């Protein structure tokens, strides 16, 4: 019975650890997406100004 409790606690700890790592990776991925979006938006805005300036 004691080994079953130990196994359960280890499994729970592993699950929490995995969830934490997963959420950290997801947050990092969102930061990368935001950064990429900002770069694309900046390039688009610059292009619009260039096109508007010539017309």
N, C-alpha and C. Protein backbone atom coordinates (compact mmCIF):
# COMPACT_ATOMS: atom_id res chain seq x y z
N UNK A 1 0.83 -1.20 0.00
CA UNK A 1 0.00 0.00 0.00
C UNK A 1 0.87 1.26 0.00
N UNK A 2 1.96 1.21 0.74
CA UNK A 2 2.84 2.38 0.82
C UNK A 2 3.47 2.71 -0.53
N UNK A 3 3.85 1.68 -1.28
CA UNK A 3 4.46 1.94 -2.59
C UNK A 3 3.44 2.55 -3.55
N UNK A 4 2.18 2.20 -3.41
CA UNK A 4 1.14 2.79 -4.26
C UNK A 4 1.01 4.28 -3.98
N UNK A 5 1.11 4.66 -2.70
CA UNK A 5 1.04 6.08 -2.35
C UNK A 5 2.25 6.83 -2.90
N UNK A 6 3.42 6.21 -2.78
CA UNK A 6 4.63 6.85 -3.30
C UNK A 6 4.53 7.03 -4.82
N UNK A 7 4.04 6.00 -5.48
CA UNK A 7 3.88 6.07 -6.93
C UNK A 7 2.90 7.17 -7.32
N UNK A 8 1.81 7.27 -6.58
CA UNK A 8 0.81 8.30 -6.85
C UNK A 8 1.40 9.69 -6.69
N UNK A 9 2.15 9.90 -5.60
CA UNK A 9 2.76 11.21 -5.37
C UNK A 9 3.80 11.54 -6.44
N UNK A 10 4.56 10.53 -6.84
CA UNK A 10 5.56 10.77 -7.89
C UNK A 10 4.89 11.11 -9.22
N UNK A 11 3.83 10.40 -9.51
CA UNK A 11 3.08 10.67 -10.73
C UNK A 11 2.48 12.07 -10.70
N UNK A 12 1.94 12.46 -9.57
CA UNK A 12 1.37 13.79 -9.42
C UNK A 12 2.44 14.86 -9.57
N UNK A 13 3.60 14.64 -8.94
CA UNK A 13 4.70 15.60 -9.04
C UNK A 13 5.19 15.71 -10.48
N UNK A 14 5.29 14.59 -11.17
CA UNK A 14 5.73 14.60 -12.57
C UNK A 14 4.72 15.36 -13.43
N UNK A 15 3.45 15.15 -13.16
CA UNK A 15 2.40 15.85 -13.92
C UNK A 15 2.46 17.36 -13.71
N UNK A 16 2.65 17.78 -12.47
CA UNK A 16 2.75 19.21 -12.17
C UNK A 16 3.97 19.81 -12.84
N UNK A 17 5.09 19.09 -12.79
CA UNK A 17 6.32 19.56 -13.42
C UNK A 17 6.13 19.70 -14.93
N UNK A 18 5.53 18.71 -15.53
CA UNK A 18 5.29 18.73 -16.98
C UNK A 18 4.36 19.88 -17.36
N UNK A 19 3.34 20.10 -16.56
CA UNK A 19 2.40 21.18 -16.82
C UNK A 19 3.09 22.54 -16.72
N UNK A 20 3.96 22.69 -15.74
CA UNK A 20 4.70 23.95 -15.57
C UNK A 20 5.61 24.21 -16.75
N UNK A 21 6.34 23.20 -17.17
CA UNK A 21 7.24 23.35 -18.32
C UNK A 21 6.44 23.65 -19.58
N UNK A 22 5.32 22.99 -19.74
CA UNK A 22 4.49 23.20 -20.92
C UNK A 22 3.94 24.62 -20.97
N UNK A 23 3.48 25.13 -19.82
CA UNK A 23 2.94 26.49 -19.80
C UNK A 23 4.04 27.52 -20.04
N UNK A 24 5.24 27.26 -19.54
CA UNK A 24 6.36 28.18 -19.78
C UNK A 24 6.72 28.20 -21.26
N UNK A 25 6.72 27.04 -21.89
CA UNK A 25 7.02 26.97 -23.32
C UNK A 25 5.94 27.67 -24.13
N UNK A 26 4.69 27.52 -23.70
CA UNK A 26 3.58 28.17 -24.40
C UNK A 26 3.69 29.68 -24.29
N UNK A 27 4.04 30.18 -23.11
CA UNK A 27 4.20 31.62 -22.91
C UNK A 27 5.33 32.15 -23.79
N UNK A 28 6.42 31.40 -23.88
CA UNK A 28 7.54 31.81 -24.73
C UNK A 28 7.09 31.86 -26.19
N UNK A 29 6.29 30.89 -26.59
CA UNK A 29 5.79 30.84 -27.95
C UNK A 29 4.91 32.07 -28.24
N UNK A 30 4.09 32.47 -27.27
CA UNK A 30 3.25 33.65 -27.45
C UNK A 30 4.10 34.91 -27.58
N UNK A 31 5.16 35.00 -26.81
CA UNK A 31 6.07 36.15 -26.92
C UNK A 31 6.69 36.21 -28.31
N UNK A 32 7.07 35.06 -28.83
CA UNK A 32 7.65 35.02 -30.18
C UNK A 32 6.62 35.45 -31.22
N UNK A 33 5.38 35.01 -31.05
CA UNK A 33 4.33 35.40 -31.99
C UNK A 33 4.08 36.90 -31.95
N UNK A 34 4.06 37.46 -30.73
CA UNK A 34 3.86 38.90 -30.59
C UNK A 34 4.99 39.67 -31.25
N UNK A 35 6.21 39.19 -31.03
CA UNK A 35 7.37 39.85 -31.61
C UNK A 35 7.31 39.81 -33.13
N UNK A 36 6.97 38.66 -33.67
CA UNK A 36 6.87 38.51 -35.12
C UNK A 36 5.77 39.40 -35.69
N UNK A 37 4.64 39.44 -35.00
CA UNK A 37 3.53 40.29 -35.44
C UNK A 37 3.97 41.76 -35.45
N UNK A 38 4.69 42.19 -34.42
CA UNK A 38 5.16 43.58 -34.35
C UNK A 38 6.11 43.89 -35.51
N UNK A 39 6.97 42.94 -35.85
CA UNK A 39 7.89 43.15 -36.97
C UNK A 39 7.13 43.27 -38.29
N UNK A 40 6.16 42.39 -38.49
CA UNK A 40 5.37 42.42 -39.72
C UNK A 40 4.57 43.72 -39.81
N UNK A 41 3.97 44.12 -38.70
CA UNK A 41 3.18 45.36 -38.67
C UNK A 41 4.07 46.56 -38.98
N UNK A 42 5.25 46.59 -38.39
CA UNK A 42 6.18 47.70 -38.65
C UNK A 42 6.56 47.75 -40.13
N UNK A 43 6.87 46.59 -40.70
CA UNK A 43 7.22 46.55 -42.12
C UNK A 43 6.05 46.99 -42.98
N UNK A 44 4.85 46.56 -42.63
CA UNK A 44 3.66 46.94 -43.38
C UNK A 44 3.42 48.44 -43.30
N UNK A 45 3.54 49.00 -42.09
CA UNK A 45 3.35 50.44 -41.92
C UNK A 45 4.38 51.22 -42.73
N UNK A 46 5.62 50.77 -42.71
CA UNK A 46 6.67 51.44 -43.49
C UNK A 46 6.35 51.38 -44.98
N UNK A 47 5.87 50.24 -45.43
CA UNK A 47 5.53 50.06 -46.84
C UNK A 47 4.38 50.99 -47.22
N UNK A 48 3.38 51.09 -46.36
CA UNK A 48 2.24 51.97 -46.64
C UNK A 48 2.69 53.42 -46.74
N UNK A 49 3.61 53.83 -45.87
CA UNK A 49 4.11 55.20 -45.92
C UNK A 49 4.88 55.44 -47.21
N UNK A 50 5.68 54.46 -47.61
CA UNK A 50 6.45 54.59 -48.84
C UNK A 50 5.53 54.72 -50.05
N UNK A 51 4.50 53.90 -50.10
CA UNK A 51 3.55 53.94 -51.21
C UNK A 51 2.78 55.25 -51.19
N UNK A 52 2.35 55.68 -50.01
CA UNK A 52 1.60 56.94 -49.88
C UNK A 52 2.44 58.15 -50.23
N UNK A 53 3.72 58.10 -49.92
CA UNK A 53 4.61 59.23 -50.19
C UNK A 53 4.86 59.44 -51.67
N UNK A 54 4.84 58.35 -52.42
CA UNK A 54 5.13 58.43 -53.86
C UNK A 54 3.92 58.89 -54.67
N UNK A 55 2.74 58.64 -54.14
CA UNK A 55 1.52 58.90 -54.90
C UNK A 55 1.11 60.34 -54.95
